[in-house]
Amino acid sequence: MTVNIALNASSAIAAAFYGKDLKVESADFFDELRESVADEIGTEVDNACIYHSDCMEIIQRYESDYGAEAEELSDCGGAEFKASEWQTAMVRYAAGIADCAISNMIQEEINELKEAYESLLETLPDDHDDIAVTLESSCLYGWAAHDRETQEGVCIWHRLEGDLEARAIHCNGLWLTAAWTPQSA
């Protein structure tokens, strides 16, 4: 089986969402998400480094990008290993690399979500303070063809189900959505 650290990063984000209200009221939501995800990284490192073969693959695939940073994490307080403990040393080093890689990928994904959120906000009316933006696993309005799409990828629906206006943007397997009924002039 091939190790895919990006899946571990996505799993950490999904675990951080579990049981939470996914209403995005401001960009602070993403800072709070970073804090919640930090608690999940250790679990995902353990999941990535289950087998020695996985550890070898992690070192082979990700050492060039994260090896120097991982050496600091896997130093184990200056512990020295005997030749007979090479597997323990390898697992700790691979875990350090996985930790760095997963953390980096999580930050990238959250930054992309925040950029998508900002792109979505740009398409909302000026008085959008009372319009709820939510994070969803699928597009709530996907059953209807959207009227147009912005350059940033925001799907725009007009007069959906009567007078409903809707916006949605897809990012990292998630959807940021907003819907409202415009007030008559």
Protein backbone atom coordinates (compact mmCIF):
# COMPACT_ATOMS: atom_id res chain seq x y z
CA MET A 1 0.00 0.00 0.00
CA THR A 2 1.28 3.43 -0.89
CA VAL A 3 1.51 6.03 1.85
CA ASN A 4 -0.35 9.25 1.04
CA ILE A 5 0.35 11.89 3.69
CA ALA A 6 -2.20 14.24 2.07
CA LEU A 7 -4.95 11.81 3.11
CA ASN A 8 -3.69 11.91 6.69
CA ALA A 9 -3.85 15.72 6.59
CA SER A 10 -7.41 15.61 5.25
CA SER A 11 -8.37 13.07 7.92
CA ALA A 12 -7.00 15.35 10.65
CA ILE A 13 -9.10 18.24 9.35
CA ALA A 14 -12.21 16.02 9.12
CA ALA A 15 -11.66 14.79 12.68
CA ALA A 16 -11.37 18.39 13.89
CA PHE A 17 -14.77 19.15 12.30
CA TYR A 18 -16.51 16.23 13.99
CA GLY A 19 -19.37 17.39 16.19
CA LYS A 20 -18.75 21.09 15.54
CA ASP A 21 -21.02 23.79 14.19
CA LEU A 22 -19.74 24.43 10.69
CA LYS A 23 -21.14 27.95 10.41
CA VAL A 24 -18.31 30.24 9.30
CA GLU A 25 -18.97 33.63 10.90
CA SER A 26 -15.59 35.20 10.19
CA ALA A 27 -12.04 34.41 9.10
CA ASP A 28 -11.35 33.60 12.78
CA PHE A 29 -13.07 30.27 12.12
CA PHE A 30 -9.95 29.14 10.26
CA ASP A 31 -7.63 30.11 13.13
CA GLU A 32 -9.82 28.09 15.49
CA LEU A 33 -9.71 25.22 13.00
CA ARG A 34 -5.88 25.32 13.05
CA GLU A 35 -5.96 24.94 16.84
CA SER A 36 -8.46 22.05 16.70
CA VAL A 37 -6.51 20.23 13.99
CA ALA A 38 -3.28 20.45 16.01
CA ASP A 39 -4.81 17.94 18.44
CA GLU A 40 -5.34 15.44 15.61
CA ILE A 41 -1.85 15.45 14.10
CA GLY A 42 -0.39 12.89 16.52
CA THR A 43 -3.13 10.40 15.68
CA GLU A 44 -2.51 10.81 11.97
CA VAL A 45 1.26 10.43 12.43
CA ASP A 46 0.58 7.16 14.24
CA ASN A 47 -1.74 6.06 11.43
CA ALA A 48 0.91 6.86 8.81
CA CYS A 49 3.70 5.01 10.65
CA ILE A 50 1.99 1.73 11.47
CA TYR A 51 4.32 -0.60 9.55
CA HIS A 52 8.07 -0.49 9.03
CA SER A 53 7.49 -0.58 5.27
CA ASP A 54 5.31 2.56 5.59
CA CYS A 55 8.05 4.26 7.59
CA MET A 56 10.62 3.44 4.90
CA GLU A 57 8.30 4.82 2.22
CA ILE A 58 7.69 8.02 4.21
CA ILE A 59 11.42 8.55 4.54
CA GLN A 60 11.99 7.81 0.86
CA ARG A 61 9.18 10.06 -0.43
CA TYR A 62 9.23 12.98 2.01
CA GLU A 63 12.75 13.21 3.47
CA SER A 64 13.98 15.67 0.86
CA ASP A 65 11.23 18.14 1.79
CA TYR A 66 10.94 17.60 5.54
CA GLY A 67 14.06 15.71 6.65
CA ALA A 68 15.98 18.60 8.23
CA GLU A 69 12.97 19.77 10.24
CA ALA A 70 12.13 16.19 11.21
CA GLU A 71 15.62 15.58 12.61
CA GLU A 72 14.90 18.20 15.24
CA LEU A 73 11.55 16.59 16.12
CA SER A 74 12.85 13.02 16.20
CA ASP A 75 16.00 13.81 18.20
CA CYS A 76 14.31 12.25 21.27
CA GLY A 77 16.24 14.39 23.68
CA GLY A 78 19.60 13.39 22.22
CA ALA A 79 18.92 9.66 22.48
CA GLU A 80 21.43 7.42 20.76
CA PHE A 81 20.40 4.11 19.31
CA LYS A 82 22.36 0.86 19.10
CA ALA A 83 22.71 -0.81 15.75
CA SER A 84 20.17 -3.41 16.89
CA GLU A 85 17.63 -0.60 17.44
CA TRP A 86 17.73 0.68 13.90
CA GLN A 87 14.02 0.03 13.42
CA THR A 88 13.10 2.13 16.45
CA ALA A 89 15.31 4.95 15.16
CA MET A 90 13.78 4.64 11.68
CA VAL A 91 10.22 4.76 13.05
CA ARG A 92 10.96 7.87 15.12
CA TYR A 93 12.59 9.59 12.16
CA ALA A 94 9.70 8.62 9.85
CA ALA A 95 7.23 9.90 12.48
CA GLY A 96 9.10 13.20 12.57
CA ILE A 97 8.93 13.48 8.79
CA ALA A 98 5.23 12.52 8.79
CA ASP A 99 4.51 15.10 11.51
CA CYS A 100 6.21 17.85 9.50
CA ALA A 101 4.55 16.81 6.22
CA ILE A 102 1.06 16.46 7.72
CA SER A 103 1.36 19.78 9.58
CA ASN A 104 2.52 21.54 6.42
CA MET A 105 -0.27 20.07 4.29
CA ILE A 106 -2.88 20.98 6.91
CA GLN A 107 -1.69 24.59 6.90
CA GLU A 108 -1.86 24.67 3.10
CA GLU A 109 -5.39 23.22 3.07
CA ILE A 110 -6.64 25.65 5.72
CA ASN A 111 -5.05 28.59 3.87
CA GLU A 112 -6.82 27.47 0.69
CA LEU A 113 -10.14 27.21 2.56
CA LYS A 114 -9.65 30.70 3.96
CA GLU A 115 -8.91 32.08 0.46
CA ALA A 116 -12.03 30.32 -0.88
CA TYR A 117 -14.07 31.86 1.97
CA GLU A 118 -12.77 35.32 1.07
CA SER A 119 -13.61 34.72 -2.61
CA LEU A 120 -17.13 33.68 -1.61
CA LEU A 121 -17.58 36.80 0.54
CA GLU A 122 -16.64 39.02 -2.42
CA THR A 123 -19.69 37.72 -4.33
CA LEU A 124 -22.16 38.43 -1.52
CA PRO A 125 -24.17 41.67 -1.29
CA ASP A 126 -22.58 44.56 0.61
CA ASP A 127 -24.93 44.03 3.57
CA HIS A 128 -23.99 40.34 3.93
CA ASP A 129 -23.50 40.34 7.71
CA ASP A 130 -26.70 38.35 8.28
CA ILE A 131 -25.99 35.78 5.54
CA ALA A 132 -24.77 32.49 6.99
CA VAL A 133 -21.78 30.80 5.35
CA THR A 134 -21.48 27.10 6.12
CA LEU A 135 -18.93 24.41 5.41
CA GLU A 136 -20.46 21.30 3.84
CA SER A 137 -19.24 17.95 2.53
CA SER A 138 -21.35 18.35 -0.61
CA CYS A 139 -22.93 21.23 -2.48
CA LEU A 140 -26.41 21.92 -1.14
CA TYR A 141 -27.46 23.34 -4.50
CA GLY A 142 -25.67 20.84 -6.75
CA TRP A 143 -28.97 19.52 -8.00
CA ALA A 144 -29.50 22.78 -9.94
CA ALA A 145 -27.26 24.14 -12.68
CA HIS A 146 -25.62 27.37 -11.58
CA ASP A 147 -26.11 30.54 -13.61
CA ARG A 148 -22.46 31.50 -13.76
CA GLU A 149 -19.11 31.01 -12.13
CA THR A 150 -16.52 33.58 -11.11
CA GLN A 151 -12.88 33.38 -12.09
CA GLU A 152 -12.12 32.20 -8.54
CA GLY A 153 -14.58 29.30 -8.92
CA VAL A 154 -17.57 30.64 -6.97
CA CYS A 155 -20.78 29.13 -8.36
CA ILE A 156 -23.64 31.63 -8.46
CA TRP A 157 -27.33 30.79 -8.51
CA HIS A 158 -30.08 33.37 -9.10
CA ARG A 159 -33.76 32.81 -8.26
CA LEU A 160 -33.20 29.28 -7.02
CA GLU A 161 -36.43 27.81 -5.60
CA GLY A 162 -38.25 31.09 -6.26
CA ASP A 163 -36.38 34.09 -4.88
CA LEU A 164 -33.41 32.34 -3.24
CA GLU A 165 -29.92 33.56 -4.14
CA ALA A 166 -27.05 31.14 -3.49
CA ARG A 167 -23.26 30.97 -3.71
CA ALA A 168 -20.90 28.04 -3.27
CA ILE A 169 -17.22 27.32 -3.80
CA HIS A 170 -15.49 23.93 -3.79
CA CYS A 171 -12.14 23.64 -2.01
CA ASN A 172 -10.20 20.59 -0.84
CA GLY A 173 -13.19 18.29 -1.04
CA LEU A 174 -15.44 20.67 0.93
CA TRP A 175 -18.01 23.28 -0.04
CA LEU A 176 -18.42 26.74 1.44
CA THR A 177 -22.03 27.77 0.82
CA ALA A 178 -24.27 30.77 1.40
CA ALA A 179 -27.93 31.38 0.58
CA TRP A 180 -30.37 34.21 1.24
CA THR A 181 -33.59 35.72 0.04
CA PRO A 182 -32.99 39.26 -1.19
CA GLN A 183 -35.14 41.95 0.36
CA SER A 184 -37.45 43.78 -2.02
CA ALA A 185 -36.41 47.33 -2.84
